[in-house]
Amino acid sequence: MTTPARIDRLKAKKEEIEKQLAELEAREKSKARKEDNRLKVLIGAGILADAKIRPELAGEVQKILDRAITAKRDRDFLQEKGWLPRQPTTGNREEK
């Protein structure tokens, strides 16, 4: 096999390997995202279930949400669902 032909064959192999690697990395990223979402849903469901029977936990969850949730759209939703107070808080909130 001539050197130019060998170079072309190796370049084609390299492209195929890079394509396979990109596909594998995309699958791993998707899997990690799904696992992260599942974790959030399960933790949230557990906390919500416990907060229904323990009012003191519900109050703590509200404090956490008030500190952690800054996007206006999300805050509005939580206010509609009764997890955040309707009045604006004193903290500096960025609208997202």
N, C-alpha and C. Protein backbone atom coordinates (compact mmCIF):
# COMPACT_ATOMS: atom_id res chain seq x y z
N MET A 1 0.85 -1.17 0.00
CA MET A 1 0.00 0.00 0.00
C MET A 1 0.90 1.24 0.00
N THR A 2 0.53 2.20 -0.82
CA THR A 2 1.34 3.41 -0.91
C THR A 2 1.09 4.31 0.31
N THR A 3 2.04 5.17 0.55
CA THR A 3 1.93 6.07 1.70
C THR A 3 0.69 6.96 1.62
N PRO A 4 0.39 7.61 0.49
CA PRO A 4 -0.82 8.43 0.42
C PRO A 4 -2.10 7.62 0.67
N ALA A 5 -2.15 6.42 0.16
CA ALA A 5 -3.34 5.58 0.37
C ALA A 5 -3.46 5.20 1.84
N ARG A 6 -2.35 4.91 2.47
CA ARG A 6 -2.35 4.56 3.89
C ARG A 6 -2.80 5.76 4.73
N ILE A 7 -2.31 6.94 4.37
CA ILE A 7 -2.71 8.17 5.08
C ILE A 7 -4.22 8.36 4.97
N ASP A 8 -4.75 8.19 3.76
CA ASP A 8 -6.20 8.35 3.56
C ASP A 8 -6.99 7.33 4.38
N ARG A 9 -6.52 6.09 4.42
CA ARG A 9 -7.19 5.05 5.18
C ARG A 9 -7.17 5.36 6.67
N LEU A 10 -6.04 5.83 7.18
CA LEU A 10 -5.93 6.17 8.60
C LEU A 10 -6.78 7.39 8.95
N LYS A 11 -6.85 8.37 8.04
CA LYS A 11 -7.70 9.54 8.28
C LYS A 11 -9.17 9.12 8.35
N ALA A 12 -9.57 8.21 7.48
CA ALA A 12 -10.96 7.72 7.50
C ALA A 12 -11.25 7.00 8.81
N LYS A 13 -10.30 6.19 9.27
CA LYS A 13 -10.45 5.49 10.56
C LYS A 13 -10.58 6.50 11.70
N LYS A 14 -9.71 7.52 11.64
CA LYS A 14 -9.73 8.55 12.68
C LYS A 14 -11.09 9.25 12.73
N GLU A 15 -11.63 9.61 11.56
CA GLU A 15 -12.94 10.26 11.51
C GLU A 15 -14.03 9.36 12.10
N GLU A 16 -13.97 8.08 11.77
CA GLU A 16 -14.97 7.14 12.30
C GLU A 16 -14.85 7.01 13.81
N ILE A 17 -13.64 6.95 14.32
CA ILE A 17 -13.43 6.86 15.77
C ILE A 17 -13.91 8.13 16.46
N GLU A 18 -13.63 9.29 15.86
CA GLU A 18 -14.08 10.56 16.44
C GLU A 18 -15.61 10.63 16.47
N LYS A 19 -16.25 10.12 15.41
CA LYS A 19 -17.71 10.09 15.36
C LYS A 19 -18.26 9.18 16.47
N GLN A 20 -17.67 8.01 16.61
CA GLN A 20 -18.11 7.08 17.66
C GLN A 20 -17.90 7.67 19.05
N LEU A 21 -16.79 8.34 19.24
CA LEU A 21 -16.49 8.97 20.53
C LEU A 21 -17.51 10.07 20.84
N ALA A 22 -17.84 10.89 19.85
CA ALA A 22 -18.83 11.96 20.04
C ALA A 22 -20.19 11.38 20.40
N GLU A 23 -20.58 10.30 19.74
CA GLU A 23 -21.87 9.65 20.04
C GLU A 23 -21.88 9.09 21.45
N LEU A 24 -20.79 8.46 21.84
CA LEU A 24 -20.70 7.89 23.19
C LEU A 24 -20.74 8.99 24.25
N GLU A 25 -20.02 10.08 24.01
CA GLU A 25 -20.03 11.19 24.96
C GLU A 25 -21.42 11.81 25.06
N ALA A 26 -22.13 11.91 23.93
CA ALA A 26 -23.49 12.47 23.95
C ALA A 26 -24.42 11.56 24.75
N ARG A 27 -24.28 10.25 24.59
CA ARG A 27 -25.11 9.30 25.37
C ARG A 27 -24.83 9.43 26.86
N GLU A 28 -23.57 9.56 27.22
CA GLU A 28 -23.20 9.71 28.63
C GLU A 28 -23.75 11.01 29.22
N LYS A 29 -23.67 12.07 28.44
CA LYS A 29 -24.20 13.37 28.90
C LYS A 29 -25.71 13.28 29.09
N SER A 30 -26.39 12.65 28.16
CA SER A 30 -27.84 12.48 28.26
C SER A 30 -28.21 11.63 29.47
N LYS A 31 -27.46 10.57 29.70
CA LYS A 31 -27.71 9.70 30.85
C LYS A 31 -27.52 10.47 32.16
N ALA A 32 -26.45 11.25 32.24
CA ALA A 32 -26.19 12.03 33.45
C ALA A 32 -27.30 13.05 33.69
N ARG A 33 -27.78 13.69 32.62
CA ARG A 33 -28.86 14.67 32.75
C ARG A 33 -30.15 13.99 33.24
N LYS A 34 -30.46 12.81 32.69
CA LYS A 34 -31.64 12.07 33.13
C LYS A 34 -31.52 11.65 34.59
N GLU A 35 -30.34 11.20 35.00
CA GLU A 35 -30.15 10.80 36.39
C GLU A 35 -30.26 12.00 37.33
N ASP A 36 -29.75 13.15 36.91
CA ASP A 36 -29.86 14.37 37.72
C ASP A 36 -31.33 14.77 37.88
N ASN A 37 -32.09 14.71 36.78
CA ASN A 37 -33.51 15.03 36.86
C ASN A 37 -34.25 14.05 37.76
N ARG A 38 -33.93 12.78 37.64
CA ARG A 38 -34.58 11.76 38.49
C ARG A 38 -34.27 12.03 39.96
N LEU A 39 -33.03 12.36 40.26
CA LEU A 39 -32.63 12.67 41.63
C LEU A 39 -33.44 13.84 42.17
N LYS A 40 -33.57 14.90 41.37
CA LYS A 40 -34.33 16.07 41.80
C LYS A 40 -35.79 15.72 42.05
N VAL A 41 -36.38 14.93 41.17
CA VAL A 41 -37.78 14.54 41.32
C VAL A 41 -37.97 13.71 42.58
N LEU A 42 -37.11 12.74 42.80
CA LEU A 42 -37.25 11.87 43.97
C LEU A 42 -37.05 12.63 45.28
N ILE A 43 -36.03 13.47 45.33
CA ILE A 43 -35.79 14.26 46.55
C ILE A 43 -36.97 15.21 46.77
N GLY A 44 -37.40 15.87 45.71
CA GLY A 44 -38.53 16.78 45.83
C GLY A 44 -39.79 16.07 46.28
N ALA A 45 -40.06 14.90 45.72
CA ALA A 45 -41.26 14.15 46.09
C ALA A 45 -41.20 13.73 47.56
N GLY A 46 -40.04 13.30 48.00
CA GLY A 46 -39.90 12.90 49.40
C GLY A 46 -40.10 14.07 50.34
N ILE A 47 -39.52 15.20 50.01
CA ILE A 47 -39.66 16.38 50.86
C ILE A 47 -41.10 16.87 50.86
N LEU A 48 -41.74 16.91 49.69
CA LEU A 48 -43.14 17.34 49.62
C LEU A 48 -44.04 16.42 50.44
N ALA A 49 -43.83 15.12 50.34
CA ALA A 49 -44.65 14.18 51.10
C ALA A 49 -44.47 14.39 52.60
N ASP A 50 -43.25 14.58 53.03
CA ASP A 50 -42.99 14.78 54.46
C ASP A 50 -43.51 16.14 54.93
N ALA A 51 -43.40 17.15 54.07
CA ALA A 51 -43.86 18.50 54.45
C ALA A 51 -45.37 18.54 54.65
N LYS A 52 -46.10 17.66 53.97
CA LYS A 52 -47.55 17.61 54.15
C LYS A 52 -47.94 17.15 55.54
N ILE A 53 -47.10 16.34 56.15
CA ILE A 53 -47.45 15.82 57.49
C ILE A 53 -46.67 16.50 58.60
N ARG A 54 -45.65 17.28 58.24
CA ARG A 54 -44.84 17.99 59.24
C ARG A 54 -44.76 19.47 58.88
N PRO A 55 -45.64 20.29 59.45
CA PRO A 55 -45.66 21.71 59.10
C PRO A 55 -44.32 22.42 59.34
N GLU A 56 -43.56 21.98 60.34
CA GLU A 56 -42.27 22.64 60.58
C GLU A 56 -41.32 22.43 59.41
N LEU A 57 -41.41 21.30 58.76
CA LEU A 57 -40.59 21.06 57.58
C LEU A 57 -41.05 21.94 56.42
N ALA A 58 -42.35 22.10 56.27
CA ALA A 58 -42.87 22.96 55.20
C ALA A 58 -42.32 24.37 55.35
N GLY A 59 -42.26 24.88 56.57
CA GLY A 59 -41.71 26.21 56.80
C GLY A 59 -40.25 26.30 56.42
N GLU A 60 -39.48 25.28 56.74
CA GLU A 60 -38.06 25.26 56.36
C GLU A 60 -37.90 25.18 54.85
N VAL A 61 -38.74 24.39 54.20
CA VAL A 61 -38.68 24.28 52.74
C VAL A 61 -38.98 25.64 52.11
N GLN A 62 -39.96 26.34 52.65
CA GLN A 62 -40.29 27.67 52.13
C GLN A 62 -39.10 28.62 52.26
N LYS A 63 -38.40 28.56 53.37
CA LYS A 63 -37.22 29.42 53.55
C LYS A 63 -36.14 29.08 52.52
N ILE A 64 -35.93 27.79 52.31
CA ILE A 64 -34.93 27.36 51.32
C ILE A 64 -35.32 27.84 49.93
N LEU A 65 -36.58 27.65 49.57
CA LEU A 65 -37.05 28.08 48.25
C LEU A 65 -36.91 29.58 48.08
N ASP A 66 -37.21 30.33 49.13
CA ASP A 66 -37.11 31.79 49.05
C ASP A 66 -35.67 32.22 48.80
N ARG A 67 -34.71 31.50 49.38
CA ARG A 67 -33.29 31.82 49.16
C ARG A 67 -32.79 31.32 47.81
N ALA A 68 -33.23 30.13 47.43
CA ALA A 68 -32.61 29.45 46.30
C ALA A 68 -33.24 29.75 44.94
N ILE A 69 -34.51 30.03 44.92
CA ILE A 69 -35.20 30.23 43.64
C ILE A 69 -35.24 31.72 43.32
N THR A 70 -34.57 32.11 42.24
CA THR A 70 -34.45 33.53 41.91
C THR A 70 -35.17 33.91 40.62
N ALA A 71 -35.40 32.97 39.74
CA ALA A 71 -36.05 33.30 38.46
C ALA A 71 -37.51 33.71 38.71
N LYS A 72 -37.91 34.84 38.16
CA LYS A 72 -39.25 35.36 38.37
C LYS A 72 -40.32 34.34 37.99
N ARG A 73 -40.14 33.70 36.87
CA ARG A 73 -41.12 32.71 36.40
C ARG A 73 -41.30 31.59 37.42
N ASP A 74 -40.20 31.11 37.98
CA ASP A 74 -40.27 30.03 38.97
C ASP A 74 -40.85 30.53 40.28
N ARG A 75 -40.48 31.74 40.68
CA ARG A 75 -41.02 32.30 41.92
C ARG A 75 -42.53 32.50 41.79
N ASP A 76 -42.98 33.01 40.63
CA ASP A 76 -44.42 33.19 40.41
C ASP A 76 -45.15 31.86 40.52
N PHE A 77 -44.58 30.82 39.92
CA PHE A 77 -45.20 29.50 39.98
C PHE A 77 -45.30 29.01 41.43
N LEU A 78 -44.22 29.15 42.18
CA LEU A 78 -44.22 28.70 43.58
C LEU A 78 -45.19 29.53 44.42
N GLN A 79 -45.35 30.80 44.09
CA GLN A 79 -46.34 31.62 44.80
C GLN A 79 -47.75 31.12 44.50
N GLU A 80 -48.02 30.81 43.24
CA GLU A 80 -49.33 30.28 42.87
C GLU A 80 -49.65 28.98 43.61
N LYS A 81 -48.62 28.19 43.87
CA LYS A 81 -48.81 26.89 44.53
C LYS A 81 -48.73 27.00 46.05
N GLY A 82 -48.51 28.22 46.56
CA GLY A 82 -48.50 28.43 48.00
C GLY A 82 -47.18 28.13 48.69
N TRP A 83 -46.10 27.98 47.94
CA TRP A 83 -44.81 27.67 48.54
C TRP A 83 -43.94 28.90 48.78
N LEU A 84 -44.36 30.03 48.24
CA LEU A 84 -43.68 31.30 48.51
C LEU A 84 -44.74 32.35 48.82
N PRO A 85 -44.42 33.31 49.68
CA PRO A 85 -45.39 34.36 49.98
C PRO A 85 -45.61 35.26 48.77
N ARG A 86 -46.79 35.84 48.68
CA ARG A 86 -47.13 36.71 47.55
C ARG A 86 -46.38 38.03 47.57
N GLN A 87 -46.06 38.53 48.75
CA GLN A 87 -45.37 39.82 48.83
C GLN A 87 -43.90 39.65 48.47
N PRO A 88 -43.31 40.68 47.90
CA PRO A 88 -41.88 40.59 47.56
C PRO A 88 -41.02 40.48 48.81
N THR A 89 -39.91 39.79 48.69
CA THR A 89 -38.99 39.64 49.82
C THR A 89 -38.05 40.83 49.87
N THR A 90 -37.32 40.94 50.97
CA THR A 90 -36.40 42.06 51.13
C THR A 90 -35.06 41.83 50.45
N GLY A 91 -34.77 40.59 50.06
CA GLY A 91 -33.49 40.28 49.43
C GLY A 91 -33.40 40.83 48.02
N ASN A 92 -32.19 40.95 47.53
CA ASN A 92 -31.98 41.39 46.15
C ASN A 92 -32.19 40.21 45.23
N ARG A 93 -33.17 40.30 44.37
CA ARG A 93 -33.48 39.21 43.44
C ARG A 93 -33.24 39.69 42.02
N GLU A 94 -32.57 38.86 41.25
CA GLU A 94 -32.38 39.17 39.84
C GLU A 94 -33.51 38.52 39.07
N GLU A 95 -34.08 39.25 38.13
CA GLU A 95 -35.11 38.66 37.29
C GLU A 95 -34.42 37.93 36.16
N LYS A 96 -34.83 36.69 35.98
CA LYS A 96 -34.23 35.86 34.93
C LYS A 96 -35.29 35.46 33.94
